[in-house]
Amino acid sequence: MGLDETTIRRLRARGHLPRLALTEPEIRERLYHAYLAALLSPAGGNRGNEGTIVSLRRRAGALARRAVAWASLAAPGASRACRPSRWWRRRWPRPLGSRTLRPRRAGRSSAARTAVLGLVLGVVLLAAPTASAYERPPLLENVASYFAMRPAEVRCPSNREWVGDPIWGTAPNPQRGWGYTDMIAEYIVLHPALCAGAVAVSDPLIPLWQRATGVLVLVHEAYHLRRWRWRRNEAKVECQAIRHFIVGAEMLGATPELANELLPSALAAHARMVTLFPEYRERHCKLPLWKLPITP
């Protein structure tokens, strides 16, 4: 090394001897790091070494050097074997708006996935419809399909389901709710009592008004399902329902005599409807005539 034994012993006692074994690139990197630490260190504050106020010129120069160090300093050009240390990587400032990508943790990702799956499952269960309590009598659907000129779905709900239906009671007179047609989903819903009357149109134990009104409302709603220009016109639909009442009653199982016997009750229900709700009245509608049940 070109040093005598006394100098070597002194350097070893003070801990300086290992530094002499560093290569030139390592010495350059250490000096560069020390220079950066001196520039970026705020230890001196605004005062000099002896505590006196630093002049404005010196303070401006220090700030300029610090700004240059942050903005334009790059890692020293060293060989591949002498890369910047971890200290350099920690102190290196990241560009504004940059984002550090970190590997996902398996446990946290699995927990998040489970939470999302549980939330979706809960929403699906809440949005799923409850078990329906209505029935779909094939006889009523066949008759409604005949007048609708296409397949028709007729629902006969229970009393509890009918009372809880949003349609029930929305009109000024709650008795208006004899039935309705969903124009979007395209199905018919009849009052439970009218469903029972239409299904058992030949049963003498059921009152005439219940059977006749059931037939009238079924035919009325079937014309709402029919794809014709007046399907949304209540007056046109009601006129067709009362005019084809006899045909509907006979298709449900009534004899011509029984259909004629049910006609006065149907005409009374029709008159009540158009009186309470003028939008159901068709001025030029030709009503069917009741025949006297007598023989010469």
C-alpha atoms as a PDB file:
ATOM      1  CA  MET A   1       0.000   0.000   0.000  1.00  0.00           C
ATOM      2  CA  GLY A   2       3.032   2.283   0.269  1.00  0.00           C
ATOM      3  CA  LEU A   3       2.530   3.022   4.006  1.00  0.00           C
ATOM      4  CA  ASP A   4       4.898   2.233   6.857  1.00  0.00           C
ATOM      5  CA  GLU A   5       3.946  -0.015   9.766  1.00  0.00           C
ATOM      6  CA  THR A   6       3.363   2.872  12.202  1.00  0.00           C
ATOM      7  CA  THR A   7       0.865   4.539   9.890  1.00  0.00           C
ATOM      8  CA  ILE A   8      -0.916   1.250   9.259  1.00  0.00           C
ATOM      9  CA  ARG A   9      -1.266   0.643  13.036  1.00  0.00           C
ATOM     10  CA  ARG A  10      -2.690   4.147  13.549  1.00  0.00           C
ATOM     11  CA  LEU A  11      -5.196   3.728  10.718  1.00  0.00           C
ATOM     12  CA  ARG A  12      -6.245   0.347  12.086  1.00  0.00           C
ATOM     13  CA  ALA A  13      -6.700   1.767  15.615  1.00  0.00           C
ATOM     14  CA  ARG A  14      -8.914   4.589  14.323  1.00  0.00           C
ATOM     15  CA  GLY A  15     -10.967   2.277  12.066  1.00  0.00           C
ATOM     16  CA  HIS A  16      -9.833   3.854   8.797  1.00  0.00           C
ATOM     17  CA  LEU A  17      -7.965   0.900   7.420  1.00  0.00           C
ATOM     18  CA  PRO A  18     -11.055  -0.930   5.916  1.00  0.00           C
ATOM     19  CA  ARG A  19     -11.875   2.169   3.902  1.00  0.00           C
ATOM     20  CA  LEU A  20      -8.596   1.896   2.041  1.00  0.00           C
ATOM     21  CA  ALA A  21      -9.740  -1.477   0.654  1.00  0.00           C
ATOM     22  CA  LEU A  22     -12.712   0.085  -1.207  1.00  0.00           C
ATOM     23  CA  THR A  23     -12.651   0.233  -4.966  1.00  0.00           C
ATOM     24  CA  GLU A  24     -12.832   3.514  -6.844  1.00  0.00           C
ATOM     25  CA  PRO A  25     -16.535   3.201  -7.842  1.00  0.00           C
ATOM     26  CA  GLU A  26     -17.474   2.422  -4.231  1.00  0.00           C
ATOM     27  CA  ILE A  27     -15.536   5.427  -2.952  1.00  0.00           C
ATOM     28  CA  ARG A  28     -17.214   7.652  -5.585  1.00  0.00           C
ATOM     29  CA  GLU A  29     -20.680   6.390  -4.560  1.00  0.00           C
ATOM     30  CA  ARG A  30     -20.027   7.000  -0.852  1.00  0.00           C
ATOM     31  CA  LEU A  31     -18.793  10.506  -1.515  1.00  0.00           C
ATOM     32  CA  TYR A  32     -21.826  11.162  -3.696  1.00  0.00           C
ATOM     33  CA  HIS A  33     -24.211   9.990  -0.954  1.00  0.00           C
ATOM     34  CA  ALA A  34     -22.425  12.131   1.607  1.00  0.00           C
ATOM     35  CA  TYR A  35     -22.723  15.137  -0.707  1.00  0.00           C
ATOM     36  CA  LEU A  36     -26.452  14.514  -1.153  1.00  0.00           C
ATOM     37  CA  ALA A  37     -26.941  14.160   2.607  1.00  0.00           C
ATOM     38  CA  ALA A  38     -25.217  17.521   3.135  1.00  0.00           C
ATOM     39  CA  LEU A  39     -27.416  19.214   0.511  1.00  0.00           C
ATOM     40  CA  LEU A  40     -30.737  17.748   1.657  1.00  0.00           C
ATOM     41  CA  SER A  41     -30.124  17.861   5.387  1.00  0.00           C
ATOM     42  CA  PRO A  42     -32.145  20.619   7.181  1.00  0.00           C
ATOM     43  CA  ALA A  43     -29.926  20.477  10.292  1.00  0.00           C
ATOM     44  CA  GLY A  44     -28.305  23.840   9.721  1.00  0.00           C
ATOM     45  CA  GLY A  45     -31.564  25.809   9.519  1.00  0.00           C
ATOM     46  CA  ASN A  46     -31.176  29.470   8.681  1.00  0.00           C
ATOM     47  CA  ARG A  47     -28.101  29.896  10.814  1.00  0.00           C
ATOM     48  CA  GLY A  48     -24.386  29.453  10.202  1.00  0.00           C
ATOM     49  CA  ASN A  49     -21.957  27.253  12.036  1.00  0.00           C
ATOM     50  CA  GLU A  50     -21.666  29.717  14.897  1.00  0.00           C
ATOM     51  CA  GLY A  51     -25.371  30.490  15.176  1.00  0.00           C
ATOM     52  CA  THR A  52     -25.265  33.739  13.222  1.00  0.00           C
ATOM     53  CA  ILE A  53     -27.934  34.605  10.655  1.00  0.00           C
ATOM     54  CA  VAL A  54     -26.962  33.399   7.190  1.00  0.00           C
ATOM     55  CA  SER A  55     -26.954  36.067   4.522  1.00  0.00           C
ATOM     56  CA  LEU A  56     -29.701  36.195   1.928  1.00  0.00           C
ATOM     57  CA  ARG A  57     -27.287  35.318  -0.848  1.00  0.00           C
ATOM     58  CA  ARG A  58     -26.033  32.204   0.933  1.00  0.00           C
ATOM     59  CA  ARG A  59     -29.593  31.149   1.768  1.00  0.00           C
ATOM     60  CA  ALA A  60     -30.697  31.561  -1.847  1.00  0.00           C
ATOM     61  CA  GLY A  61     -27.711  29.561  -3.061  1.00  0.00           C
ATOM     62  CA  ALA A  62     -28.488  26.753  -0.611  1.00  0.00           C
ATOM     63  CA  LEU A  63     -32.122  26.625  -1.709  1.00  0.00           C
ATOM     64  CA  ALA A  64     -31.076  26.572  -5.363  1.00  0.00           C
ATOM     65  CA  ARG A  65     -28.653  23.704  -4.781  1.00  0.00           C
ATOM     66  CA  ARG A  66     -31.324  21.797  -2.867  1.00  0.00           C
ATOM     67  CA  ALA A  67     -33.853  22.281  -5.669  1.00  0.00           C
ATOM     68  CA  VAL A  68     -31.341  21.087  -8.238  1.00  0.00           C
ATOM     69  CA  ALA A  69     -30.564  18.059  -6.103  1.00  0.00           C
ATOM     70  CA  TRP A  70     -34.252  17.076  -5.904  1.00  0.00           C
ATOM     71  CA  ALA A  71     -35.167  17.780  -9.510  1.00  0.00           C
ATOM     72  CA  SER A  72     -32.223  16.763 -11.658  1.00  0.00           C
ATOM     73  CA  LEU A  73     -29.893  14.494  -9.737  1.00  0.00           C
ATOM     74  CA  ALA A  74     -29.597  11.006 -11.129  1.00  0.00           C
ATOM     75  CA  ALA A  75     -28.003   7.886  -9.807  1.00  0.00           C
ATOM     76  CA  PRO A  76     -24.242   7.832 -10.332  1.00  0.00           C
ATOM     77  CA  GLY A  77     -23.047   5.971 -13.371  1.00  0.00           C
ATOM     78  CA  ALA A  78     -21.642   2.854 -11.824  1.00  0.00           C
ATOM     79  CA  SER A  79     -21.080  -0.588 -13.137  1.00  0.00           C
ATOM     80  CA  ARG A  80     -23.695  -3.336 -12.897  1.00  0.00           C
ATOM     81  CA  ALA A  81     -21.906  -4.728  -9.867  1.00  0.00           C
ATOM     82  CA  CYS A  82     -22.177  -1.348  -8.121  1.00  0.00           C
ATOM     83  CA  ARG A  83     -25.879  -0.454  -8.203  1.00  0.00           C
ATOM     84  CA  PRO A  84     -27.513   2.152  -5.927  1.00  0.00           C
ATOM     85  CA  SER A  85     -28.062   0.807  -2.453  1.00  0.00           C
ATOM     86  CA  ARG A  86     -31.426   0.387  -0.718  1.00  0.00           C
ATOM     87  CA  TRP A  87     -30.841   3.686   1.049  1.00  0.00           C
ATOM     88  CA  TRP A  88     -30.790   5.386  -2.338  1.00  0.00           C
ATOM     89  CA  ARG A  89     -34.053   3.722  -3.385  1.00  0.00           C
ATOM     90  CA  ARG A  90     -35.818   4.790  -0.218  1.00  0.00           C
ATOM     91  CA  ARG A  91     -34.699   8.412  -0.459  1.00  0.00           C
ATOM     92  CA  TRP A  92     -35.336   8.775  -4.182  1.00  0.00           C
ATOM     93  CA  PRO A  93     -38.405  11.066  -4.645  1.00  0.00           C
ATOM     94  CA  ARG A  94     -41.345   9.637  -6.643  1.00  0.00           C
ATOM     95  CA  PRO A  95     -42.905  11.742  -9.428  1.00  0.00           C
ATOM     96  CA  LEU A  96     -46.083  13.601  -8.556  1.00  0.00           C
ATOM     97  CA  GLY A  97     -49.188  11.471  -9.179  1.00  0.00           C
ATOM     98  CA  SER A  98     -47.245   8.221  -9.426  1.00  0.00           C
ATOM     99  CA  ARG A  99     -48.682   5.048  -7.985  1.00  0.00           C
ATOM    100  CA  THR A 100     -46.794   2.247  -6.341  1.00  0.00           C
ATOM    101  CA  LEU A 101     -48.027  -1.170  -7.392  1.00  0.00           C
ATOM    102  CA  ARG A 102     -47.869  -3.714  -4.633  1.00  0.00           C
ATOM    103  CA  PRO A 103     -48.625  -7.398  -4.900  1.00  0.00           C
ATOM    104  CA  ARG A 104     -52.006  -8.391  -3.572  1.00  0.00           C
ATOM    105  CA  ARG A 105     -52.217 -10.276  -0.359  1.00  0.00           C
ATOM    106  CA  ALA A 106     -53.934 -13.611  -0.754  1.00  0.00           C
ATOM    107  CA  GLY A 107     -55.799 -13.403   2.557  1.00  0.00           C
ATOM    108  CA  ARG A 108     -57.143  -9.874   2.044  1.00  0.00           C
ATOM    109  CA  SER A 109     -58.161 -10.628  -1.554  1.00  0.00           C
ATOM    110  CA  SER A 110     -59.989 -13.765  -0.509  1.00  0.00           C
ATOM    111  CA  ALA A 111     -61.791 -11.947   2.294  1.00  0.00           C
ATOM    112  CA  ALA A 112     -62.835  -9.131  -0.037  1.00  0.00           C
ATOM    113  CA  ARG A 113     -64.055 -11.606  -2.642  1.00  0.00           C
ATOM    114  CA  THR A 114     -66.093 -13.425   0.006  1.00  0.00           C
ATOM    115  CA  ALA A 115     -67.623 -10.169   1.233  1.00  0.00           C
ATOM    116  CA  VAL A 116     -68.605  -9.094  -2.277  1.00  0.00           C
ATOM    117  CA  LEU A 117     -70.099 -12.513  -2.992  1.00  0.00           C
ATOM    118  CA  GLY A 118     -72.141 -12.382   0.200  1.00  0.00           C
ATOM    119  CA  LEU A 119     -73.420  -8.896  -0.645  1.00  0.00           C
ATOM    120  CA  VAL A 120     -74.481  -9.954  -4.147  1.00  0.00           C
ATOM    121  CA  LEU A 121     -76.189 -13.058  -2.782  1.00  0.00           C
ATOM    122  CA  GLY A 122     -78.094 -10.951  -0.238  1.00  0.00           C
ATOM    123  CA  VAL A 123     -79.292  -8.541  -2.905  1.00  0.00           C
ATOM    124  CA  VAL A 124     -80.442 -11.419  -5.110  1.00  0.00           C
ATOM    125  CA  LEU A 125     -82.333 -13.020  -2.240  1.00  0.00           C
ATOM    126  CA  LEU A 126     -84.015  -9.745  -1.337  1.00  0.00           C
ATOM    127  CA  ALA A 127     -84.940  -9.046  -4.940  1.00  0.00           C
ATOM    128  CA  ALA A 128     -86.245 -12.553  -5.589  1.00  0.00           C
ATOM    129  CA  PRO A 129     -90.049 -12.710  -5.587  1.00  0.00           C
ATOM    130  CA  THR A 130     -91.761 -14.579  -2.840  1.00  0.00           C
ATOM    131  CA  ALA A 131     -93.709 -17.710  -3.487  1.00  0.00           C
ATOM    132  CA  SER A 132     -96.857 -16.805  -5.421  1.00  0.00           C
ATOM    133  CA  ALA A 133    -100.234 -17.742  -3.978  1.00  0.00           C
ATOM    134  CA  TYR A 134    -102.192 -17.400  -7.233  1.00  0.00           C
ATOM    135  CA  GLU A 135    -103.553 -20.152  -9.474  1.00  0.00           C
ATOM    136  CA  ARG A 136    -103.854 -20.342 -13.257  1.00  0.00           C
ATOM    137  CA  PRO A 137    -106.988 -22.255 -14.202  1.00  0.00           C
ATOM    138  CA  PRO A 138    -106.537 -23.775 -17.677  1.00  0.00           C
ATOM    139  CA  LEU A 139    -110.210 -23.197 -18.551  1.00  0.00           C
ATOM    140  CA  LEU A 140    -109.978 -19.463 -17.969  1.00  0.00           C
ATOM    141  CA  GLU A 141    -106.723 -19.216 -19.908  1.00  0.00           C
ATOM    142  CA  ASN A 142    -108.219 -21.058 -22.891  1.00  0.00           C
ATOM    143  CA  VAL A 143    -111.210 -18.720 -23.036  1.00  0.00           C
ATOM    144  CA  ALA A 144    -109.037 -15.623 -22.576  1.00  0.00           C
ATOM    145  CA  SER A 145    -106.699 -16.838 -25.329  1.00  0.00           C
ATOM    146  CA  TYR A 146    -109.667 -17.136 -27.691  1.00  0.00           C
ATOM    147  CA  PHE A 147    -110.641 -13.484 -27.261  1.00  0.00           C
ATOM    148  CA  ALA A 148    -107.046 -12.245 -27.042  1.00  0.00           C
ATOM    149  CA  MET A 149    -106.185 -14.174 -30.207  1.00  0.00           C
ATOM    150  CA  ARG A 150    -102.926 -15.313 -28.608  1.00  0.00           C
ATOM    151  CA  PRO A 151    -101.787 -17.239 -25.510  1.00  0.00           C
ATOM    152  CA  ALA A 152    -103.034 -15.557 -22.347  1.00  0.00           C
ATOM    153  CA  GLU A 153    -102.012 -15.934 -18.712  1.00  0.00           C
ATOM    154  CA  VAL A 154    -104.829 -15.605 -16.177  1.00  0.00           C
ATOM    155  CA  ARG A 155    -103.993 -15.394 -12.479  1.00  0.00           C
ATOM    156  CA  CYS A 156    -106.459 -16.096  -9.701  1.00  0.00           C
ATOM    157  CA  PRO A 157    -104.852 -14.824  -6.475  1.00  0.00           C
ATOM    158  CA  SER A 158    -105.782 -15.617  -2.921  1.00  0.00           C
ATOM    159  CA  ASN A 159    -107.728 -13.071  -0.887  1.00  0.00           C
ATOM    160  CA  ARG A 160    -104.593 -12.076   1.019  1.00  0.00           C
ATOM    161  CA  GLU A 161    -102.598 -11.564  -2.147  1.00  0.00           C
ATOM    162  CA  TRP A 162    -105.418  -9.632  -3.792  1.00  0.00           C
ATOM    163  CA  VAL A 163    -105.811  -7.251  -0.835  1.00  0.00           C
ATOM    164  CA  GLY A 164    -102.044  -6.659  -0.773  1.00  0.00           C
ATOM    165  CA  ASP A 165    -101.924  -5.909  -4.499  1.00  0.00           C
ATOM    166  CA  PRO A 166    -100.998  -2.229  -5.200  1.00  0.00           C
ATOM    167  CA  ILE A 167    -103.895  -1.976  -7.674  1.00  0.00           C
ATOM    168  CA  TRP A 168    -106.461  -2.642  -4.985  1.00  0.00           C
ATOM    169  CA  GLY A 169    -107.994   0.458  -3.463  1.00  0.00           C
ATOM    170  CA  THR A 170    -106.175   3.043  -5.598  1.00  0.00           C
ATOM    171  CA  ALA A 171    -109.397   4.234  -7.253  1.00  0.00           C
ATOM    172  CA  PRO A 172    -111.999   6.448  -5.518  1.00  0.00           C
ATOM    173  CA  ASN A 173    -114.263   3.400  -5.126  1.00  0.00           C
ATOM    174  CA  PRO A 174    -112.411   0.271  -3.958  1.00  0.00           C
ATOM    175  CA  GLN A 175    -115.066  -1.958  -5.568  1.00  0.00           C
ATOM    176  CA  ARG A 176    -113.725  -0.936  -8.962  1.00  0.00           C
ATOM    177  CA  GLY A 177    -110.934  -3.467  -8.469  1.00  0.00           C
ATOM    178  CA  TRP A 178    -112.652  -6.395 -10.227  1.00  0.00           C
ATOM    179  CA  GLY A 179    -109.555  -7.241 -12.235  1.00  0.00           C
ATOM    180  CA  TYR A 180    -106.744  -5.744 -14.272  1.00  0.00           C
ATOM    181  CA  THR A 181    -104.280  -6.508 -17.058  1.00  0.00           C
ATOM    182  CA  ASP A 182    -100.554  -5.930 -16.773  1.00  0.00           C
ATOM    183  CA  MET A 183     -99.708  -4.360 -20.122  1.00  0.00           C
ATOM    184  CA  ILE A 184     -95.950  -4.797 -19.637  1.00  0.00           C
ATOM    185  CA  ALA A 185     -95.721  -8.403 -18.432  1.00  0.00           C
ATOM    186  CA  GLU A 186     -99.012  -9.158 -20.264  1.00  0.00           C
ATOM    187  CA  TYR A 187    -101.055 -11.204 -17.817  1.00  0.00           C
ATOM    188  CA  ILE A 188    -104.564 -10.964 -16.359  1.00  0.00           C
ATOM    189  CA  VAL A 189    -105.447 -10.836 -12.672  1.00  0.00           C
ATOM    190  CA  LEU A 190    -109.048 -11.392 -11.554  1.00  0.00           C
ATOM    191  CA  HIS A 191    -110.719 -10.873  -8.198  1.00  0.00           C
ATOM    192  CA  PRO A 192    -110.752 -14.174  -6.248  1.00  0.00           C
ATOM    193  CA  ALA A 193    -114.558 -14.215  -6.088  1.00  0.00           C
ATOM    194  CA  LEU A 194    -114.884 -13.539  -9.810  1.00  0.00           C
ATOM    195  CA  CYS A 195    -112.360 -16.269 -10.599  1.00  0.00           C
ATOM    196  CA  ALA A 196    -114.465 -18.724  -8.627  1.00  0.00           C
ATOM    197  CA  GLY A 197    -117.611 -17.586 -10.414  1.00  0.00           C
ATOM    198  CA  ALA A 198    -116.104 -17.831 -13.913  1.00  0.00           C
ATOM    199  CA  VAL A 199    -114.624 -21.290 -13.289  1.00  0.00           C
ATOM    200  CA  ALA A 200    -117.910 -22.685 -11.919  1.00  0.00           C
ATOM    201  CA  VAL A 201    -120.277 -20.863 -14.251  1.00  0.00           C
ATOM    202  CA  SER A 202    -122.657 -23.852 -14.260  1.00  0.00           C
ATOM    203  CA  ASP A 203    -122.733 -24.252 -10.471  1.00  0.00           C
ATOM    204  CA  PRO A 204    -126.180 -23.221  -9.164  1.00  0.00           C
ATOM    205  CA  LEU A 205    -124.818 -22.808  -5.632  1.00  0.00           C
ATOM    206  CA  ILE A 206    -122.854 -19.714  -6.694  1.00  0.00           C
ATOM    207  CA  PRO A 207    -124.884 -16.505  -7.058  1.00  0.00           C
ATOM    208  CA  LEU A 208    -125.809 -15.390 -10.550  1.00  0.00           C
ATOM    209  CA  TRP A 209    -124.134 -11.992 -10.166  1.00  0.00           C
ATOM    210  CA  GLN A 210    -120.812 -13.635  -9.206  1.00  0.00           C
ATOM    211  CA  ARG A 211    -120.809 -15.972 -12.209  1.00  0.00           C
ATOM    212  CA  ALA A 212    -122.009 -13.318 -14.669  1.00  0.00           C
ATOM    213  CA  THR A 213    -119.551 -10.660 -13.477  1.00  0.00           C
ATOM    214  CA  GLY A 214    -116.731 -13.203 -13.563  1.00  0.00           C
ATOM    215  CA  VAL A 215    -117.416 -13.961 -17.219  1.00  0.00           C
ATOM    216  CA  LEU A 216    -117.751 -10.269 -18.115  1.00  0.00           C
ATOM    217  CA  VAL A 217    -114.483  -9.244 -16.429  1.00  0.00           C
ATOM    218  CA  LEU A 218    -112.596 -12.177 -17.961  1.00  0.00           C
ATOM    219  CA  VAL A 219    -113.657 -11.252 -21.489  1.00  0.00           C
ATOM    220  CA  HIS A 220    -112.981  -7.564 -20.769  1.00  0.00           C
ATOM    221  CA  GLU A 221    -109.387  -8.229 -19.673  1.00  0.00           C
ATOM    222  CA  ALA A 222    -108.815 -10.603 -22.577  1.00  0.00           C
ATOM    223  CA  TYR A 223    -109.517  -7.761 -25.003  1.00  0.00           C
ATOM    224  CA  HIS A 224    -106.829  -5.738 -23.204  1.00  0.00           C
ATOM    225  CA  LEU A 225    -104.354  -8.478 -24.131  1.00  0.00           C
ATOM    226  CA  ARG A 226    -105.531  -8.539 -27.723  1.00  0.00           C
ATOM    227  CA  ARG A 227    -103.159  -6.700 -30.043  1.00  0.00           C
ATOM    228  CA  TRP A 228    -105.524  -4.293 -31.680  1.00  0.00           C
ATOM    229  CA  ARG A 229    -105.637  -0.531 -31.898  1.00  0.00           C
ATOM    230  CA  TRP A 230    -108.145  -0.092 -29.039  1.00  0.00           C
ATOM    231  CA  ARG A 231    -106.536  -2.357 -26.434  1.00  0.00           C
ATOM    232  CA  ARG A 232    -105.889   0.613 -24.132  1.00  0.00           C
ATOM    233  CA  ASN A 233    -109.316   2.186 -24.630  1.00  0.00           C
ATOM    234  CA  GLU A 234    -111.584   1.150 -21.743  1.00  0.00           C
ATOM    235  CA  ALA A 235    -114.780   2.128 -23.546  1.00  0.00           C
ATOM    236  CA  LYS A 236    -113.999   0.071 -26.658  1.00  0.00           C
ATOM    237  CA  VAL A 237    -112.842  -2.894 -24.564  1.00  0.00           C
ATOM    238  CA  GLU A 238    -115.911  -2.866 -22.328  1.00  0.00           C
ATOM    239  CA  CYS A 239    -118.208  -2.657 -25.327  1.00  0.00           C
ATOM    240  CA  GLN A 240    -116.628  -5.764 -26.850  1.00  0.00           C
ATOM    241  CA  ALA A 241    -116.837  -7.580 -23.506  1.00  0.00           C
ATOM    242  CA  ILE A 242    -120.572  -7.067 -23.053  1.00  0.00           C
ATOM    243  CA  ARG A 243    -121.321  -7.802 -26.725  1.00  0.00           C
ATOM    244  CA  HIS A 244    -119.469 -11.150 -26.545  1.00  0.00           C
ATOM    245  CA  PHE A 245    -120.713 -12.113 -23.099  1.00  0.00           C
ATOM    246  CA  ILE A 246    -122.948 -14.918 -24.376  1.00  0.00           C
ATOM    247  CA  VAL A 247    -120.074 -16.490 -26.321  1.00  0.00           C
ATOM    248  CA  GLY A 248    -117.775 -16.308 -23.303  1.00  0.00           C
ATOM    249  CA  ALA A 249    -120.321 -17.863 -20.969  1.00  0.00           C
ATOM    250  CA  GLU A 250    -120.977 -20.745 -23.347  1.00  0.00           C
ATOM    251  CA  MET A 251    -117.232 -21.375 -23.776  1.00  0.00           C
ATOM    252  CA  LEU A 252    -116.946 -21.624 -19.985  1.00  0.00           C
ATOM    253  CA  GLY A 253    -119.575 -24.359 -19.906  1.00  0.00           C
ATOM    254  CA  ALA A 254    -122.914 -22.604 -19.773  1.00  0.00           C
ATOM    255  CA  THR A 255    -125.814 -23.719 -21.897  1.00  0.00           C
ATOM    256  CA  PRO A 256    -127.554 -21.153 -24.123  1.00  0.00           C
ATOM    257  CA  GLU A 257    -130.415 -21.005 -21.588  1.00  0.00           C
ATOM    258  CA  LEU A 258    -128.019 -20.469 -18.699  1.00  0.00           C
ATOM    259  CA  ALA A 259    -126.074 -17.838 -20.642  1.00  0.00           C
ATOM    260  CA  ASN A 260    -129.346 -15.985 -21.269  1.00  0.00           C
ATOM    261  CA  GLU A 261    -130.169 -16.285 -17.565  1.00  0.00           C
ATOM    262  CA  LEU A 262    -126.788 -14.769 -16.637  1.00  0.00           C
ATOM    263  CA  LEU A 263    -127.134 -11.898 -19.123  1.00  0.00           C
ATOM    264  CA  PRO A 264    -129.269  -9.547 -16.925  1.00  0.00           C
ATOM    265  CA  SER A 265    -126.688  -9.707 -14.148  1.00  0.00           C
ATOM    266  CA  ALA A 266    -123.946  -8.965 -16.676  1.00  0.00           C
ATOM    267  CA  LEU A 267    -125.916  -5.996 -18.059  1.00  0.00           C
ATOM    268  CA  ALA A 268    -126.398  -4.698 -14.522  1.00  0.00           C
ATOM    269  CA  ALA A 269    -122.664  -4.943 -13.828  1.00  0.00           C
ATOM    270  CA  HIS A 270    -121.943  -3.188 -17.114  1.00  0.00           C
ATOM    271  CA  ALA A 271    -124.428  -0.397 -16.344  1.00  0.00           C
ATOM    272  CA  ARG A 272    -122.915   0.103 -12.913  1.00  0.00           C
ATOM    273  CA  MET A 273    -119.423   0.340 -14.350  1.00  0.00           C
ATOM    274  CA  VAL A 274    -120.194   2.895 -17.059  1.00  0.00           C
ATOM    275  CA  THR A 275    -122.265   4.970 -14.615  1.00  0.00           C
ATOM    276  CA  LEU A 276    -119.550   5.245 -11.968  1.00  0.00           C
ATOM    277  CA  PHE A 277    -116.727   5.585 -14.477  1.00  0.00           C
ATOM    278  CA  PRO A 278    -117.691   7.442 -17.667  1.00  0.00           C
ATOM    279  CA  GLU A 279    -114.448   6.464 -19.410  1.00  0.00           C
ATOM    280  CA  TYR A 280    -115.930   2.951 -19.739  1.00  0.00           C
ATOM    281  CA  ARG A 281    -118.972   4.156 -21.689  1.00  0.00           C
ATOM    282  CA  GLU A 282    -119.101   3.734 -25.448  1.00  0.00           C
ATOM    283  CA  ARG A 283    -122.005   5.776 -26.836  1.00  0.00           C
ATOM    284  CA  HIS A 284    -122.496   3.738 -29.978  1.00  0.00           C
ATOM    285  CA  CYS A 285    -122.135   0.324 -28.328  1.00  0.00           C
ATOM    286  CA  LYS A 286    -124.997  -2.101 -29.176  1.00  0.00           C
ATOM    287  CA  LEU A 287    -125.870  -4.106 -26.090  1.00  0.00           C
ATOM    288  CA  PRO A 288    -127.157  -7.693 -26.341  1.00  0.00           C
ATOM    289  CA  LEU A 289    -130.846  -8.277 -25.627  1.00  0.00           C
ATOM    290  CA  TRP A 290    -132.137 -10.562 -22.921  1.00  0.00           C
ATOM    291  CA  LYS A 291    -134.652 -13.152 -24.160  1.00  0.00           C
ATOM    292  CA  LEU A 292    -137.769 -13.931 -22.179  1.00  0.00           C
ATOM    293  CA  PRO A 293    -137.575 -17.533 -20.938  1.00  0.00           C
ATOM    294  CA  ILE A 294    -141.101 -18.410 -22.057  1.00  0.00           C
ATOM    295  CA  THR A 295    -142.563 -20.625 -24.716  1.00  0.00           C
ATOM    296  CA  PRO A 296    -145.705 -19.915 -26.751  1.00  0.00           C
END
